Every structure is written in structure tokens, then in C-alpha cells.
Amino acid sequence: MQRFFRRAVPRLPPKRWASSNRAFVNTCSVAVLAVDTNVLVRLLARDDARQAKAADQFVKPGAWVSHLVLAETLWVLESVYGRTAAQIIAALELLLVHESLVLQDTETVGLALAQFQAKPALGFSDCLVLEIARKAGHVPLGTFDRALAKLEGAQKL
């Protein structure tokens, strides 16, 4: 676990991520750069020193992470790097309070994280899809996934 999260990031009290990240977005006077999946993986996995350093330098002034990049990154960490649900949760918590990264719609990501923490067998991307649909007012979310269908706002087809 230490190697997985080598870079120390100051921890904020629980639930403070929403206001801290939102404040960053609202007060940023310059355009924020965006990152791709491979950059975010390097920031978390730290398995290539040269690329990790380049990723650190790129995001230092501030960078934005889309839902798609977040979901892809967590899939890579789980399927390629063999990270557990607990490690994925830790990565999400780290990203939500990261000093330089801003996640797309942090409130929705935070709600998806809460769903995932309660039922890690679902997978974070399913939780994120449901929370995005809920925020957009497009529920119920139709699914063939029995476990996902048990969550409020989802409907088994």
C-alpha cells in the first residue's frame, strides 16, 4: 500500500472535499489543464519514476480529471495492478482531497464513493453511473445488474 500511494497528500476532515475542491474551481483565474488516464495512473501507481515526475510537474499548477478518466483509471488500477476495493477507495479519497487535481463534479464522485464504500462488490463505475443519472434527473437507471438494481434509483430490467 505504501508504494501505491507514495506521494503524501494532506488529509482533510471527512466531507470537506466538496467545499475545498469547489473553492479551487471557482477561484482559479487561469484555465485548468486536463489529464488523461495514463497520467492519473502514473500519479497513483508511481511505477515509472520519469513519468511520475513529469505527471507531477504537469498537474502542479492544477489539473482537471473527467469522470471518464477517473473510471478508466480505477479500472486500470483494479484489473492491471490488482488493487483491492479498499485500495481503490483509498485512491478515490486521495484524489478528492488532492492539492492540485480537481475532479469533475466532486459532489457526484463523493456520492458514488459513498455507495461504493457501502457495496464495494458493485464497482465504482456502476456507482458513478447511477449518481450521474440521479444528478441529471434521469432515474430510474435501467440495468441487468442485480446488485446495482438493489440501489435506490436503479431498476432491474
N, C-alpha and C. Protein backbone atom coordinates (compact mmCIF):
# COMPACT_ATOMS: atom_id res chain seq x y z
N MET A 1 0.82 -1.19 0.00
CA MET A 1 0.00 0.00 0.00
C MET A 1 0.87 1.26 0.00
N GLN A 2 1.99 1.22 0.69
CA GLN A 2 2.87 2.39 0.76
C GLN A 2 3.36 2.77 -0.64
N ARG A 3 3.76 1.78 -1.44
CA ARG A 3 4.24 2.06 -2.80
C ARG A 3 3.12 2.62 -3.66
N PHE A 4 1.92 2.15 -3.42
CA PHE A 4 0.77 2.57 -4.23
C PHE A 4 0.46 4.05 -4.03
N PHE A 5 0.65 4.55 -2.83
CA PHE A 5 0.37 5.94 -2.53
C PHE A 5 1.61 6.60 -1.96
N ARG A 6 2.67 6.59 -2.73
CA ARG A 6 3.95 7.08 -2.24
C ARG A 6 3.89 8.58 -1.94
N ARG A 7 3.20 9.34 -2.74
CA ARG A 7 3.16 10.78 -2.56
C ARG A 7 2.18 11.14 -1.45
N ALA A 8 2.69 11.80 -0.44
CA ALA A 8 1.83 12.17 0.70
C ALA A 8 1.02 13.41 0.34
N VAL A 9 -0.26 13.36 0.64
CA VAL A 9 -1.15 14.48 0.41
C VAL A 9 -1.82 14.81 1.73
N PRO A 10 -1.88 16.07 2.11
CA PRO A 10 -2.52 16.40 3.38
C PRO A 10 -3.97 15.91 3.40
N ARG A 11 -4.37 15.31 4.50
CA ARG A 11 -5.72 14.79 4.64
C ARG A 11 -6.62 15.88 5.20
N LEU A 12 -7.81 16.00 4.64
CA LEU A 12 -8.80 16.93 5.16
C LEU A 12 -9.83 16.15 5.96
N PRO A 13 -10.53 16.81 6.86
CA PRO A 13 -11.59 16.12 7.59
C PRO A 13 -12.63 15.56 6.62
N PRO A 14 -13.31 14.47 6.98
CA PRO A 14 -14.32 13.88 6.10
C PRO A 14 -15.34 14.91 5.63
N LYS A 15 -15.80 14.75 4.41
CA LYS A 15 -16.82 15.58 3.77
C LYS A 15 -16.35 16.99 3.44
N ARG A 16 -15.11 17.30 3.71
CA ARG A 16 -14.62 18.64 3.40
C ARG A 16 -14.16 18.72 1.94
N TRP A 17 -14.03 17.57 1.29
CA TRP A 17 -13.55 17.57 -0.08
C TRP A 17 -14.44 18.37 -1.00
N ALA A 18 -15.73 18.33 -0.81
CA ALA A 18 -16.64 19.01 -1.72
C ALA A 18 -16.40 20.52 -1.71
N SER A 19 -16.32 21.10 -0.53
CA SER A 19 -16.14 22.53 -0.46
C SER A 19 -14.73 22.94 -0.88
N SER A 20 -13.72 22.16 -0.52
CA SER A 20 -12.35 22.55 -0.86
C SER A 20 -12.12 22.47 -2.36
N ASN A 21 -12.60 21.41 -3.01
CA ASN A 21 -12.43 21.27 -4.45
C ASN A 21 -13.25 22.31 -5.20
N ARG A 22 -14.46 22.57 -4.76
CA ARG A 22 -15.33 23.54 -5.40
C ARG A 22 -14.70 24.93 -5.30
N ALA A 23 -14.11 25.25 -4.15
CA ALA A 23 -13.47 26.55 -3.98
C ALA A 23 -12.32 26.70 -4.95
N PHE A 24 -11.56 25.64 -5.17
CA PHE A 24 -10.44 25.68 -6.12
C PHE A 24 -10.95 25.99 -7.52
N VAL A 25 -12.00 25.31 -7.94
CA VAL A 25 -12.54 25.51 -9.27
C VAL A 25 -13.06 26.94 -9.43
N ASN A 26 -13.77 27.43 -8.44
CA ASN A 26 -14.39 28.74 -8.53
C ASN A 26 -13.40 29.90 -8.44
N THR A 27 -12.24 29.68 -7.83
CA THR A 27 -11.30 30.78 -7.67
C THR A 27 -10.12 30.69 -8.62
N CYS A 28 -10.07 29.68 -9.43
CA CYS A 28 -8.96 29.50 -10.36
C CYS A 28 -9.06 30.57 -11.45
N SER A 29 -8.04 31.42 -11.59
CA SER A 29 -8.11 32.53 -12.54
C SER A 29 -7.57 32.16 -13.92
N VAL A 30 -6.89 31.04 -14.04
CA VAL A 30 -6.39 30.60 -15.33
C VAL A 30 -7.07 29.29 -15.70
N ALA A 31 -7.05 29.00 -16.97
CA ALA A 31 -7.64 27.75 -17.44
C ALA A 31 -6.89 26.57 -16.81
N VAL A 32 -7.63 25.61 -16.33
CA VAL A 32 -7.04 24.44 -15.72
C VAL A 32 -6.81 23.40 -16.81
N LEU A 33 -5.67 22.76 -16.77
CA LEU A 33 -5.35 21.71 -17.73
C LEU A 33 -6.11 20.44 -17.38
N ALA A 34 -6.21 19.53 -18.31
CA ALA A 34 -6.88 18.25 -18.07
C ALA A 34 -5.84 17.13 -18.17
N VAL A 35 -6.12 16.02 -17.51
CA VAL A 35 -5.21 14.88 -17.57
C VAL A 35 -5.89 13.68 -18.21
N ASP A 36 -5.09 12.85 -18.82
CA ASP A 36 -5.53 11.60 -19.43
C ASP A 36 -5.35 10.48 -18.42
N THR A 37 -5.94 9.35 -18.71
CA THR A 37 -5.88 8.19 -17.82
C THR A 37 -4.45 7.81 -17.47
N ASN A 38 -3.58 7.75 -18.47
CA ASN A 38 -2.21 7.30 -18.18
C ASN A 38 -1.47 8.25 -17.25
N VAL A 39 -1.78 9.53 -17.29
CA VAL A 39 -1.16 10.48 -16.38
C VAL A 39 -1.65 10.23 -14.95
N LEU A 40 -2.96 10.04 -14.81
CA LEU A 40 -3.51 9.79 -13.48
C LEU A 40 -3.01 8.47 -12.90
N VAL A 41 -2.87 7.46 -13.75
CA VAL A 41 -2.32 6.17 -13.29
C VAL A 41 -0.90 6.37 -12.78
N ARG A 42 -0.08 7.13 -13.50
CA ARG A 42 1.30 7.38 -13.07
C ARG A 42 1.34 8.12 -11.74
N LEU A 43 0.42 9.06 -11.55
CA LEU A 43 0.37 9.80 -10.28
C LEU A 43 0.06 8.89 -9.11
N LEU A 44 -0.77 7.88 -9.34
CA LEU A 44 -1.16 6.97 -8.26
C LEU A 44 -0.22 5.78 -8.11
N ALA A 45 0.14 5.15 -9.22
CA ALA A 45 0.94 3.92 -9.16
C ALA A 45 2.42 4.20 -8.88
N ARG A 46 2.93 5.32 -9.39
CA ARG A 46 4.33 5.70 -9.16
C ARG A 46 5.29 4.60 -9.61
N ASP A 47 4.94 3.86 -10.65
CA ASP A 47 5.75 2.72 -11.07
C ASP A 47 6.78 3.06 -12.15
N ASP A 48 6.77 4.28 -12.62
CA ASP A 48 7.77 4.75 -13.58
C ASP A 48 8.20 6.12 -13.10
N ALA A 49 9.40 6.19 -12.53
CA ALA A 49 9.87 7.42 -11.89
C ALA A 49 9.88 8.62 -12.84
N ARG A 50 10.32 8.41 -14.07
CA ARG A 50 10.39 9.51 -15.04
C ARG A 50 8.99 10.03 -15.38
N GLN A 51 8.07 9.11 -15.65
CA GLN A 51 6.70 9.53 -15.99
C GLN A 51 5.98 10.11 -14.78
N ALA A 52 6.22 9.57 -13.59
CA ALA A 52 5.59 10.10 -12.38
C ALA A 52 6.05 11.54 -12.14
N LYS A 53 7.34 11.80 -12.35
CA LYS A 53 7.86 13.16 -12.18
C LYS A 53 7.24 14.11 -13.20
N ALA A 54 7.15 13.67 -14.45
CA ALA A 54 6.54 14.50 -15.49
C ALA A 54 5.06 14.76 -15.17
N ALA A 55 4.35 13.75 -14.68
CA ALA A 55 2.95 13.91 -14.31
C ALA A 55 2.81 14.89 -13.16
N ASP A 56 3.68 14.77 -12.15
CA ASP A 56 3.67 15.69 -11.02
C ASP A 56 3.85 17.14 -11.48
N GLN A 57 4.80 17.35 -12.37
CA GLN A 57 5.08 18.70 -12.86
C GLN A 57 3.91 19.24 -13.67
N PHE A 58 3.27 18.37 -14.45
CA PHE A 58 2.15 18.81 -15.28
C PHE A 58 0.96 19.25 -14.43
N VAL A 59 0.65 18.51 -13.37
CA VAL A 59 -0.54 18.81 -12.57
C VAL A 59 -0.29 19.85 -11.47
N LYS A 60 0.96 20.17 -11.22
CA LYS A 60 1.29 21.08 -10.11
C LYS A 60 0.50 22.38 -10.14
N PRO A 61 0.36 23.04 -11.30
CA PRO A 61 -0.43 24.29 -11.30
C PRO A 61 -1.93 24.06 -11.21
N GLY A 62 -2.36 22.82 -11.30
CA GLY A 62 -3.78 22.48 -11.24
C GLY A 62 -4.20 21.73 -12.48
N ALA A 63 -4.95 20.68 -12.29
CA ALA A 63 -5.42 19.89 -13.43
C ALA A 63 -6.79 19.29 -13.12
N TRP A 64 -7.56 19.08 -14.17
CA TRP A 64 -8.93 18.59 -14.08
C TRP A 64 -8.99 17.14 -14.51
N VAL A 65 -9.81 16.34 -13.80
CA VAL A 65 -9.98 14.92 -14.10
C VAL A 65 -11.44 14.68 -14.43
N SER A 66 -11.72 14.23 -15.65
CA SER A 66 -13.10 13.94 -16.05
C SER A 66 -13.59 12.64 -15.43
N HIS A 67 -14.90 12.46 -15.42
CA HIS A 67 -15.48 11.20 -14.93
C HIS A 67 -14.93 10.01 -15.71
N LEU A 68 -14.81 10.16 -17.03
CA LEU A 68 -14.33 9.06 -17.86
C LEU A 68 -12.90 8.67 -17.49
N VAL A 69 -12.04 9.65 -17.34
CA VAL A 69 -10.65 9.38 -16.96
C VAL A 69 -10.59 8.74 -15.58
N LEU A 70 -11.41 9.22 -14.67
CA LEU A 70 -11.46 8.64 -13.33
C LEU A 70 -11.88 7.17 -13.38
N ALA A 71 -12.95 6.88 -14.10
CA ALA A 71 -13.44 5.50 -14.20
C ALA A 71 -12.40 4.60 -14.88
N GLU A 72 -11.79 5.08 -15.97
CA GLU A 72 -10.76 4.29 -16.65
C GLU A 72 -9.58 4.02 -15.73
N THR A 73 -9.16 5.04 -14.99
CA THR A 73 -8.02 4.89 -14.09
C THR A 73 -8.29 3.83 -13.03
N LEU A 74 -9.46 3.88 -12.43
CA LEU A 74 -9.79 2.91 -11.39
C LEU A 74 -9.90 1.50 -11.96
N TRP A 75 -10.38 1.39 -13.19
CA TRP A 75 -10.42 0.09 -13.87
C TRP A 75 -9.00 -0.44 -14.07
N VAL A 76 -8.08 0.42 -14.52
CA VAL A 76 -6.68 0.01 -14.71
C VAL A 76 -6.06 -0.42 -13.39
N LEU A 77 -6.30 0.36 -12.34
CA LEU A 77 -5.72 0.01 -11.04
C LEU A 77 -6.22 -1.34 -10.55
N GLU A 78 -7.49 -1.62 -10.80
CA GLU A 78 -8.06 -2.89 -10.36
C GLU A 78 -7.63 -4.05 -11.26
N SER A 79 -7.79 -3.89 -12.57
CA SER A 79 -7.57 -5.03 -13.47
C SER A 79 -6.10 -5.25 -13.84
N VAL A 80 -5.33 -4.20 -13.98
CA VAL A 80 -3.92 -4.34 -14.37
C VAL A 80 -3.01 -4.43 -13.14
N TYR A 81 -3.26 -3.57 -12.16
CA TYR A 81 -2.41 -3.52 -10.98
C TYR A 81 -2.91 -4.38 -9.83
N GLY A 82 -4.09 -4.96 -9.98
CA GLY A 82 -4.63 -5.87 -8.97
C GLY A 82 -4.97 -5.22 -7.64
N ARG A 83 -5.34 -3.96 -7.67
CA ARG A 83 -5.69 -3.26 -6.43
C ARG A 83 -7.04 -3.73 -5.90
N THR A 84 -7.15 -3.78 -4.59
CA THR A 84 -8.37 -4.23 -3.92
C THR A 84 -9.38 -3.08 -3.84
N ALA A 85 -10.61 -3.41 -3.47
CA ALA A 85 -11.63 -2.38 -3.29
C ALA A 85 -11.18 -1.37 -2.24
N ALA A 86 -10.56 -1.83 -1.17
CA ALA A 86 -10.08 -0.91 -0.12
C ALA A 86 -9.02 0.05 -0.69
N GLN A 87 -8.15 -0.45 -1.55
CA GLN A 87 -7.13 0.41 -2.15
C GLN A 87 -7.75 1.38 -3.16
N ILE A 88 -8.78 0.95 -3.87
CA ILE A 88 -9.48 1.83 -4.81
C ILE A 88 -10.17 2.95 -4.03
N ILE A 89 -10.80 2.58 -2.91
CA ILE A 89 -11.44 3.59 -2.05
C ILE A 89 -10.40 4.59 -1.56
N ALA A 90 -9.25 4.10 -1.13
CA ALA A 90 -8.19 4.99 -0.66
C ALA A 90 -7.72 5.91 -1.79
N ALA A 91 -7.62 5.40 -3.00
CA ALA A 91 -7.22 6.22 -4.15
C ALA A 91 -8.25 7.32 -4.40
N LEU A 92 -9.52 6.97 -4.34
CA LEU A 92 -10.58 7.96 -4.54
C LEU A 92 -10.54 9.04 -3.46
N GLU A 93 -10.36 8.62 -2.23
CA GLU A 93 -10.26 9.59 -1.13
C GLU A 93 -9.07 10.52 -1.34
N LEU A 94 -7.96 9.96 -1.78
CA LEU A 94 -6.76 10.74 -2.07
C LEU A 94 -7.04 11.76 -3.17
N LEU A 95 -7.71 11.32 -4.23
CA LEU A 95 -7.99 12.22 -5.35
C LEU A 95 -8.97 13.32 -4.97
N LEU A 96 -9.92 13.01 -4.11
CA LEU A 96 -10.91 14.01 -3.71
C LEU A 96 -10.30 15.16 -2.90
N VAL A 97 -9.18 14.90 -2.24
CA VAL A 97 -8.54 15.96 -1.44
C VAL A 97 -7.19 16.39 -2.02
N HIS A 98 -6.88 15.95 -3.22
CA HIS A 98 -5.59 16.25 -3.82
C HIS A 98 -5.40 17.75 -3.97
N GLU A 99 -4.21 18.21 -3.68
CA GLU A 99 -3.92 19.64 -3.69
C GLU A 99 -3.92 20.26 -5.09
N SER A 100 -3.70 19.46 -6.13
CA SER A 100 -3.59 20.02 -7.48
C SER A 100 -4.65 19.50 -8.45
N LEU A 101 -5.33 18.45 -8.10
CA LEU A 101 -6.31 17.86 -9.02
C LEU A 101 -7.73 18.26 -8.63
N VAL A 102 -8.53 18.52 -9.64
CA VAL A 102 -9.95 18.81 -9.46
C VAL A 102 -10.72 17.75 -10.23
N LEU A 103 -11.59 17.04 -9.54
CA LEU A 103 -12.40 16.02 -10.19
C LEU A 103 -13.66 16.65 -10.75
N GLN A 104 -14.07 16.18 -11.90
CA GLN A 104 -15.33 16.64 -12.48
C GLN A 104 -16.45 16.34 -11.49
N ASP A 105 -17.20 17.33 -11.14
CA ASP A 105 -18.36 17.19 -10.26
C ASP A 105 -18.04 16.38 -9.01
N THR A 106 -17.24 16.97 -8.15
CA THR A 106 -16.77 16.28 -6.95
C THR A 106 -17.91 15.78 -6.07
N GLU A 107 -19.00 16.51 -6.04
CA GLU A 107 -20.12 16.08 -5.21
C GLU A 107 -20.67 14.72 -5.69
N THR A 108 -20.81 14.58 -6.99
CA THR A 108 -21.30 13.32 -7.56
C THR A 108 -20.29 12.20 -7.33
N VAL A 109 -19.02 12.49 -7.49
CA VAL A 109 -17.98 11.50 -7.23
C VAL A 109 -18.01 11.08 -5.77
N GLY A 110 -18.19 12.04 -4.88
CA GLY A 110 -18.28 11.73 -3.45
C GLY A 110 -19.48 10.85 -3.12
N LEU A 111 -20.62 11.11 -3.74
CA LEU A 111 -21.80 10.28 -3.52
C LEU A 111 -21.58 8.87 -4.07
N ALA A 112 -20.94 8.78 -5.23
CA ALA A 112 -20.62 7.47 -5.80
C ALA A 112 -19.64 6.72 -4.89
N LEU A 113 -18.68 7.43 -4.34
CA LEU A 113 -17.73 6.81 -3.42
C LEU A 113 -18.47 6.26 -2.21
N ALA A 114 -19.41 7.01 -1.66
CA ALA A 114 -20.18 6.53 -0.51
C ALA A 114 -20.95 5.25 -0.85
N GLN A 115 -21.53 5.19 -2.05
CA GLN A 115 -22.23 3.97 -2.49
C GLN A 115 -21.23 2.81 -2.61
N PHE A 116 -20.08 3.10 -3.19
CA PHE A 116 -19.05 2.08 -3.39
C PHE A 116 -18.50 1.58 -2.05
N GLN A 117 -18.32 2.47 -1.11
CA GLN A 117 -17.85 2.06 0.22
C GLN A 117 -18.85 1.13 0.89
N ALA A 118 -20.13 1.40 0.68
CA ALA A 118 -21.18 0.57 1.28
C ALA A 118 -21.29 -0.79 0.58
N LYS A 119 -21.03 -0.81 -0.73
CA LYS A 119 -21.15 -2.05 -1.50
C LYS A 119 -20.01 -2.14 -2.52
N PRO A 120 -18.80 -2.45 -2.06
CA PRO A 120 -17.64 -2.46 -2.97
C PRO A 120 -17.72 -3.51 -4.07
N ALA A 121 -18.54 -4.53 -3.90
CA ALA A 121 -18.68 -5.55 -4.95
C ALA A 121 -19.31 -4.96 -6.21
N LEU A 122 -20.01 -3.86 -6.09
CA LEU A 122 -20.63 -3.23 -7.26
C LEU A 122 -19.61 -2.72 -8.26
N GLY A 123 -18.56 -2.17 -7.77
CA GLY A 123 -17.61 -1.49 -8.64
C GLY A 123 -17.91 -0.01 -8.65
N PHE A 124 -16.87 0.79 -8.63
CA PHE A 124 -17.06 2.24 -8.56
C PHE A 124 -17.75 2.79 -9.79
N SER A 125 -17.43 2.28 -10.97
CA SER A 125 -18.02 2.86 -12.19
C SER A 125 -19.54 2.71 -12.20
N ASP A 126 -20.06 1.59 -11.70
CA ASP A 126 -21.52 1.44 -11.62
C ASP A 126 -22.12 2.48 -10.68
N CYS A 127 -21.46 2.69 -9.56
CA CYS A 127 -21.93 3.68 -8.59
C CYS A 127 -21.89 5.09 -9.20
N LEU A 128 -20.84 5.37 -9.96
CA LEU A 128 -20.71 6.68 -10.60
C LEU A 128 -21.79 6.87 -11.66
N VAL A 129 -22.04 5.86 -12.47
CA VAL A 129 -23.09 5.95 -13.50
C VAL A 129 -24.44 6.26 -12.84
N LEU A 130 -24.75 5.58 -11.75
CA LEU A 130 -26.02 5.81 -11.06
C LEU A 130 -26.09 7.23 -10.51
N GLU A 131 -25.02 7.71 -9.90
CA GLU A 131 -25.05 9.05 -9.32
C GLU A 131 -25.10 10.14 -10.39
N ILE A 132 -24.47 9.91 -11.53
CA ILE A 132 -24.55 10.88 -12.64
C ILE A 132 -26.00 10.93 -13.15
N ALA A 133 -26.61 9.76 -13.32
CA ALA A 133 -28.00 9.71 -13.78
C ALA A 133 -28.93 10.38 -12.77
N ARG A 134 -28.69 10.12 -11.48
CA ARG A 134 -29.52 10.72 -10.43
C ARG A 134 -29.41 12.25 -10.47
N LYS A 135 -28.18 12.75 -10.58
CA LYS A 135 -27.98 14.21 -10.59
C LYS A 135 -28.66 14.84 -11.80
N ALA A 136 -28.64 14.13 -12.93
CA ALA A 136 -29.25 14.65 -14.16
C ALA A 136 -30.77 14.51 -14.13
N GLY A 137 -31.29 13.80 -13.13
CA GLY A 137 -32.73 13.60 -13.04
C GLY A 137 -33.24 12.50 -13.94
N HIS A 138 -32.36 11.60 -14.33
CA HIS A 138 -32.73 10.52 -15.26
C HIS A 138 -32.74 9.18 -14.55
N VAL A 139 -33.60 9.05 -13.55
CA VAL A 139 -33.76 7.79 -12.85
C VAL A 139 -35.21 7.34 -13.00
N PRO A 140 -35.46 6.08 -13.03
CA PRO A 140 -34.51 5.04 -12.65
C PRO A 140 -33.51 4.73 -13.76
N LEU A 141 -32.37 4.26 -13.32
CA LEU A 141 -31.34 3.76 -14.22
C LEU A 141 -31.66 2.31 -14.52
N GLY A 142 -31.94 1.99 -15.75
CA GLY A 142 -32.22 0.61 -16.13
C GLY A 142 -30.95 -0.21 -16.17
N THR A 143 -31.00 -1.41 -15.60
CA THR A 143 -29.82 -2.27 -15.56
C THR A 143 -30.20 -3.74 -15.52
N PHE A 144 -29.33 -4.57 -16.01
CA PHE A 144 -29.47 -6.02 -15.87
C PHE A 144 -28.66 -6.53 -14.68
N ASP A 145 -27.89 -5.65 -14.07
CA ASP A 145 -27.04 -5.99 -12.93
C ASP A 145 -27.90 -6.09 -11.67
N ARG A 146 -28.03 -7.28 -11.12
CA ARG A 146 -28.89 -7.49 -9.94
C ARG A 146 -28.42 -6.68 -8.73
N ALA A 147 -27.12 -6.64 -8.52
CA ALA A 147 -26.60 -5.90 -7.37
C ALA A 147 -26.85 -4.41 -7.51
N LEU A 148 -26.60 -3.87 -8.68
CA LEU A 148 -26.82 -2.44 -8.92
C LEU A 148 -28.31 -2.11 -8.79
N ALA A 149 -29.15 -3.01 -9.26
CA ALA A 149 -30.60 -2.78 -9.22
C ALA A 149 -31.14 -2.67 -7.80
N LYS A 150 -30.39 -3.15 -6.82
CA LYS A 150 -30.84 -3.07 -5.42
C LYS A 150 -30.66 -1.66 -4.84
N LEU A 151 -29.89 -0.81 -5.52
CA LEU A 151 -29.70 0.56 -5.04
C LEU A 151 -30.88 1.43 -5.44
N GLU A 152 -31.18 2.37 -4.56
CA GLU A 152 -32.27 3.31 -4.86
C GLU A 152 -31.90 4.11 -6.11
N GLY A 153 -32.82 4.18 -7.04
CA GLY A 153 -32.59 4.91 -8.27
C GLY A 153 -32.24 4.01 -9.44
N ALA A 154 -32.07 2.72 -9.18
CA ALA A 154 -31.79 1.76 -10.26
C ALA A 154 -32.96 0.79 -10.36
N GLN A 155 -33.16 0.27 -11.55
CA GLN A 155 -34.27 -0.66 -11.79
C GLN A 155 -33.77 -1.84 -12.61
N LYS A 156 -34.04 -3.04 -12.10
CA LYS A 156 -33.67 -4.29 -12.79
C LYS A 156 -34.61 -4.47 -13.98
N LEU A 157 -34.04 -4.72 -15.13
CA LEU A 157 -34.84 -4.98 -16.34
C LEU A 157 -35.01 -6.47 -16.54
